[in-house]
């Protein structure tokens, strides 16, 4: 069960990140590649932790993803990506 929740979390985080680019990319593309965006962020987060010599543990990666989620939410609010146009409805 944990493996499925992990994959769903990667997909959700990837779609959440990909929606920042919804004006440049079609939404179908973002939906299909959500897992790839999430996996890319996961690998980049692991590399960042190794570069900063922070131990790679579930706690540290959870804190990193929590902070990234707050940052992405701030960018969503600032860019107003939650306001849909008539063509997107």
N, C-alpha and C. Protein backbone atom coordinates (compact mmCIF):
# COMPACT_ATOMS: atom_id res chain seq x y z
N UNK A 1 0.81 -1.19 0.00
CA UNK A 1 0.00 0.00 0.00
C UNK A 1 0.86 1.26 0.00
N UNK A 2 1.98 1.21 0.73
CA UNK A 2 2.85 2.38 0.81
C UNK A 2 3.44 2.72 -0.55
N UNK A 3 3.73 1.68 -1.36
CA UNK A 3 4.30 1.93 -2.69
C UNK A 3 3.30 2.66 -3.58
N UNK A 4 2.04 2.28 -3.48
CA UNK A 4 1.01 2.92 -4.31
C UNK A 4 0.80 4.37 -3.86
N UNK A 5 0.79 4.60 -2.56
CA UNK A 5 0.65 5.97 -2.05
C UNK A 5 1.84 6.83 -2.45
N UNK A 6 3.04 6.24 -2.46
CA UNK A 6 4.23 6.97 -2.88
C UNK A 6 4.11 7.39 -4.34
N UNK A 7 3.69 6.47 -5.21
CA UNK A 7 3.54 6.79 -6.63
C UNK A 7 2.43 7.82 -6.84
N UNK A 8 1.34 7.70 -6.09
CA UNK A 8 0.28 8.69 -6.20
C UNK A 8 0.76 10.06 -5.72
N UNK A 9 1.58 10.08 -4.69
CA UNK A 9 2.15 11.34 -4.21
C UNK A 9 3.06 11.97 -5.24
N UNK A 10 3.89 11.15 -5.89
CA UNK A 10 4.75 11.69 -6.95
C UNK A 10 3.92 12.26 -8.09
N UNK A 11 2.86 11.54 -8.47
CA UNK A 11 2.00 12.03 -9.56
C UNK A 11 1.31 13.33 -9.16
N UNK A 12 0.75 13.37 -7.96
CA UNK A 12 0.06 14.58 -7.50
C UNK A 12 0.99 15.77 -7.41
N UNK A 13 2.19 15.55 -6.87
CA UNK A 13 3.15 16.64 -6.76
C UNK A 13 3.61 17.08 -8.15
N UNK A 14 3.78 16.12 -9.06
CA UNK A 14 4.18 16.46 -10.42
C UNK A 14 3.13 17.27 -11.16
N UNK A 15 1.87 16.91 -11.00
CA UNK A 15 0.79 17.68 -11.63
C UNK A 15 0.70 19.06 -10.99
N UNK A 16 0.85 19.12 -9.67
CA UNK A 16 0.82 20.41 -8.95
C UNK A 16 1.92 21.33 -9.46
N UNK A 17 3.12 20.76 -9.69
CA UNK A 17 4.23 21.55 -10.22
C UNK A 17 4.00 21.89 -11.69
N UNK A 18 3.53 20.93 -12.47
CA UNK A 18 3.32 21.14 -13.89
C UNK A 18 2.26 22.17 -14.21
N UNK A 19 1.30 22.35 -13.31
CA UNK A 19 0.25 23.35 -13.54
C UNK A 19 0.79 24.77 -13.56
N UNK A 20 2.00 24.96 -13.06
CA UNK A 20 2.62 26.28 -13.17
C UNK A 20 2.85 26.66 -14.63
N UNK A 21 2.96 25.66 -15.50
CA UNK A 21 3.24 25.89 -16.91
C UNK A 21 2.01 25.65 -17.79
N UNK A 22 0.82 25.79 -17.23
CA UNK A 22 -0.38 25.46 -17.99
C UNK A 22 -0.64 26.40 -19.16
N UNK A 23 -0.07 27.60 -19.13
CA UNK A 23 -0.25 28.52 -20.25
C UNK A 23 0.68 28.18 -21.41
N UNK A 24 1.81 27.54 -21.10
CA UNK A 24 2.77 27.18 -22.13
C UNK A 24 2.56 25.77 -22.67
N UNK A 25 2.02 24.87 -21.85
CA UNK A 25 1.86 23.48 -22.23
C UNK A 25 0.38 23.09 -22.16
N UNK A 26 -0.06 22.18 -23.03
CA UNK A 26 -1.46 21.73 -22.95
C UNK A 26 -1.71 20.94 -21.67
N UNK A 27 -2.91 21.07 -21.14
CA UNK A 27 -3.23 20.41 -19.87
C UNK A 27 -3.21 18.89 -19.99
N UNK A 28 -3.53 18.35 -21.16
CA UNK A 28 -3.46 16.90 -21.35
C UNK A 28 -2.02 16.41 -21.20
N UNK A 29 -1.08 17.18 -21.71
CA UNK A 29 0.33 16.83 -21.58
C UNK A 29 0.75 16.83 -20.12
N UNK A 30 0.27 17.81 -19.36
CA UNK A 30 0.61 17.88 -17.93
C UNK A 30 0.02 16.69 -17.17
N UNK A 31 -1.18 16.29 -17.54
CA UNK A 31 -1.80 15.15 -16.88
C UNK A 31 -1.10 13.84 -17.17
N UNK A 32 -0.65 13.68 -18.42
CA UNK A 32 0.02 12.44 -18.81
C UNK A 32 1.42 12.36 -18.21
N UNK A 33 2.11 13.49 -18.11
CA UNK A 33 3.49 13.48 -17.65
C UNK A 33 3.63 13.88 -16.18
N UNK A 34 2.56 13.85 -15.42
CA UNK A 34 2.62 14.23 -14.01
C UNK A 34 3.59 13.39 -13.21
N UNK A 35 3.60 12.08 -13.44
CA UNK A 35 4.52 11.21 -12.71
C UNK A 35 5.97 11.56 -13.05
N UNK A 36 6.25 11.87 -14.31
CA UNK A 36 7.62 12.21 -14.70
C UNK A 36 8.09 13.50 -14.04
N UNK A 37 7.20 14.50 -13.95
CA UNK A 37 7.54 15.74 -13.24
C UNK A 37 7.85 15.42 -11.77
N UNK A 38 7.01 14.60 -11.15
CA UNK A 38 7.22 14.25 -9.75
C UNK A 38 8.52 13.48 -9.53
N UNK A 39 8.82 12.53 -10.44
CA UNK A 39 10.06 11.77 -10.32
C UNK A 39 11.27 12.68 -10.51
N UNK A 40 11.16 13.63 -11.43
CA UNK A 40 12.26 14.57 -11.65
C UNK A 40 12.51 15.41 -10.40
N UNK A 41 11.46 15.86 -9.75
CA UNK A 41 11.61 16.65 -8.53
C UNK A 41 12.17 15.78 -7.41
N UNK A 42 11.76 14.51 -7.34
CA UNK A 42 12.27 13.59 -6.33
C UNK A 42 13.78 13.41 -6.48
N UNK A 43 14.24 13.18 -7.71
CA UNK A 43 15.67 12.99 -7.95
C UNK A 43 16.44 14.28 -7.68
N UNK A 44 15.91 15.41 -8.13
CA UNK A 44 16.57 16.69 -7.87
C UNK A 44 16.65 16.97 -6.37
N UNK A 45 15.61 16.61 -5.63
CA UNK A 45 15.63 16.79 -4.18
C UNK A 45 16.67 15.91 -3.52
N UNK A 46 16.80 14.66 -3.99
CA UNK A 46 17.83 13.77 -3.45
C UNK A 46 19.23 14.28 -3.73
N UNK A 47 19.46 14.78 -4.94
CA UNK A 47 20.77 15.34 -5.29
C UNK A 47 21.04 16.58 -4.44
N UNK A 48 20.03 17.42 -4.25
CA UNK A 48 20.20 18.62 -3.43
C UNK A 48 20.58 18.26 -1.99
N UNK A 49 19.92 17.24 -1.44
CA UNK A 49 20.26 16.82 -0.08
C UNK A 49 21.69 16.30 -0.01
N UNK A 50 22.13 15.55 -1.03
CA UNK A 50 23.50 15.05 -1.04
C UNK A 50 24.51 16.18 -1.19
N UNK A 51 24.22 17.17 -2.01
CA UNK A 51 25.13 18.29 -2.19
C UNK A 51 25.26 19.09 -0.89
N UNK A 52 24.16 19.27 -0.19
CA UNK A 52 24.18 20.02 1.06
C UNK A 52 24.63 19.18 2.25
N UNK A 53 25.02 17.93 2.00
CA UNK A 53 25.45 16.95 3.02
C UNK A 53 24.42 16.78 4.14
N UNK A 54 23.16 16.82 3.77
CA UNK A 54 22.07 16.52 4.70
C UNK A 54 21.76 15.03 4.55
N UNK A 55 21.64 14.29 5.64
CA UNK A 55 21.36 12.85 5.52
C UNK A 55 20.06 12.60 4.74
N UNK A 56 20.13 11.67 3.81
CA UNK A 56 18.97 11.32 2.98
C UNK A 56 18.11 10.36 3.79
N UNK A 57 17.07 10.89 4.41
CA UNK A 57 16.18 10.08 5.25
C UNK A 57 14.74 10.46 4.92
N UNK A 58 13.79 9.63 5.32
CA UNK A 58 12.39 9.99 5.06
C UNK A 58 11.98 11.32 5.68
N UNK A 59 12.54 11.65 6.83
CA UNK A 59 12.20 12.92 7.48
C UNK A 59 12.72 14.10 6.67
N UNK A 60 13.97 14.02 6.21
CA UNK A 60 14.55 15.15 5.47
C UNK A 60 13.87 15.33 4.12
N UNK A 61 13.55 14.24 3.43
CA UNK A 61 12.90 14.38 2.13
C UNK A 61 11.46 14.87 2.31
N UNK A 62 10.80 14.49 3.41
CA UNK A 62 9.45 14.98 3.69
C UNK A 62 9.47 16.48 3.96
N UNK A 63 10.44 16.92 4.74
CA UNK A 63 10.57 18.36 5.02
C UNK A 63 10.85 19.12 3.73
N UNK A 64 11.74 18.57 2.88
CA UNK A 64 12.06 19.22 1.62
C UNK A 64 10.83 19.33 0.73
N UNK A 65 10.05 18.25 0.61
CA UNK A 65 8.85 18.29 -0.22
C UNK A 65 7.79 19.19 0.37
N UNK A 66 7.70 19.27 1.68
CA UNK A 66 6.75 20.18 2.32
C UNK A 66 7.11 21.62 2.00
N UNK A 67 8.39 21.96 2.09
CA UNK A 67 8.82 23.32 1.77
C UNK A 67 8.64 23.63 0.28
N UNK A 68 8.93 22.65 -0.58
CA UNK A 68 8.70 22.85 -2.01
C UNK A 68 7.22 23.04 -2.31
N UNK A 69 6.37 22.28 -1.62
CA UNK A 69 4.92 22.42 -1.80
C UNK A 69 4.43 23.80 -1.41
N UNK A 70 4.96 24.34 -0.32
CA UNK A 70 4.60 25.70 0.09
C UNK A 70 5.07 26.70 -0.95
N UNK A 71 6.28 26.52 -1.47
CA UNK A 71 6.80 27.43 -2.49
C UNK A 71 6.00 27.37 -3.78
N UNK A 72 5.62 26.17 -4.19
CA UNK A 72 4.82 26.03 -5.42
C UNK A 72 3.43 26.61 -5.20
N UNK A 73 2.85 26.41 -4.02
CA UNK A 73 1.53 27.00 -3.73
C UNK A 73 1.61 28.52 -3.77
N UNK A 74 2.69 29.09 -3.25
CA UNK A 74 2.88 30.54 -3.32
C UNK A 74 2.95 31.01 -4.77
N UNK A 75 3.66 30.26 -5.62
CA UNK A 75 3.74 30.64 -7.04
C UNK A 75 2.39 30.51 -7.73
N UNK A 76 1.60 29.49 -7.35
CA UNK A 76 0.25 29.35 -7.91
C UNK A 76 -0.61 30.55 -7.54
N UNK A 77 -0.53 30.97 -6.30
CA UNK A 77 -1.32 32.13 -5.87
C UNK A 77 -0.86 33.39 -6.58
N UNK A 78 0.45 33.53 -6.72
CA UNK A 78 0.99 34.74 -7.36
C UNK A 78 0.66 34.80 -8.85
N UNK A 79 0.72 33.65 -9.54
CA UNK A 79 0.43 33.63 -10.98
C UNK A 79 -1.05 33.47 -11.28
N UNK A 80 -1.85 33.22 -10.25
CA UNK A 80 -3.30 33.03 -10.38
C UNK A 80 -3.63 31.91 -11.37
N UNK A 81 -2.94 30.78 -11.26
CA UNK A 81 -3.20 29.66 -12.15
C UNK A 81 -4.52 28.98 -11.85
N UNK A 82 -5.11 29.25 -10.69
CA UNK A 82 -6.38 28.63 -10.34
C UNK A 82 -7.56 29.32 -11.01
N UNK A 83 -7.35 30.48 -11.62
CA UNK A 83 -8.42 31.16 -12.35
C UNK A 83 -8.44 30.62 -13.78
N UNK A 84 -9.51 29.94 -14.12
CA UNK A 84 -9.62 29.32 -15.43
C UNK A 84 -10.32 30.26 -16.40
N UNK A 85 -9.90 30.21 -17.65
CA UNK A 85 -10.57 30.99 -18.68
C UNK A 85 -11.75 30.18 -19.22
N UNK A 86 -12.55 30.78 -20.08
CA UNK A 86 -13.71 30.07 -20.63
C UNK A 86 -13.30 28.89 -21.49
N UNK A 87 -12.18 29.00 -22.18
CA UNK A 87 -11.74 27.89 -23.04
C UNK A 87 -11.25 26.70 -22.22
N UNK A 88 -10.83 26.92 -20.98
CA UNK A 88 -10.33 25.84 -20.14
C UNK A 88 -11.44 25.15 -19.35
N UNK A 89 -12.63 25.72 -19.30
CA UNK A 89 -13.73 25.11 -18.55
C UNK A 89 -14.40 24.04 -19.31
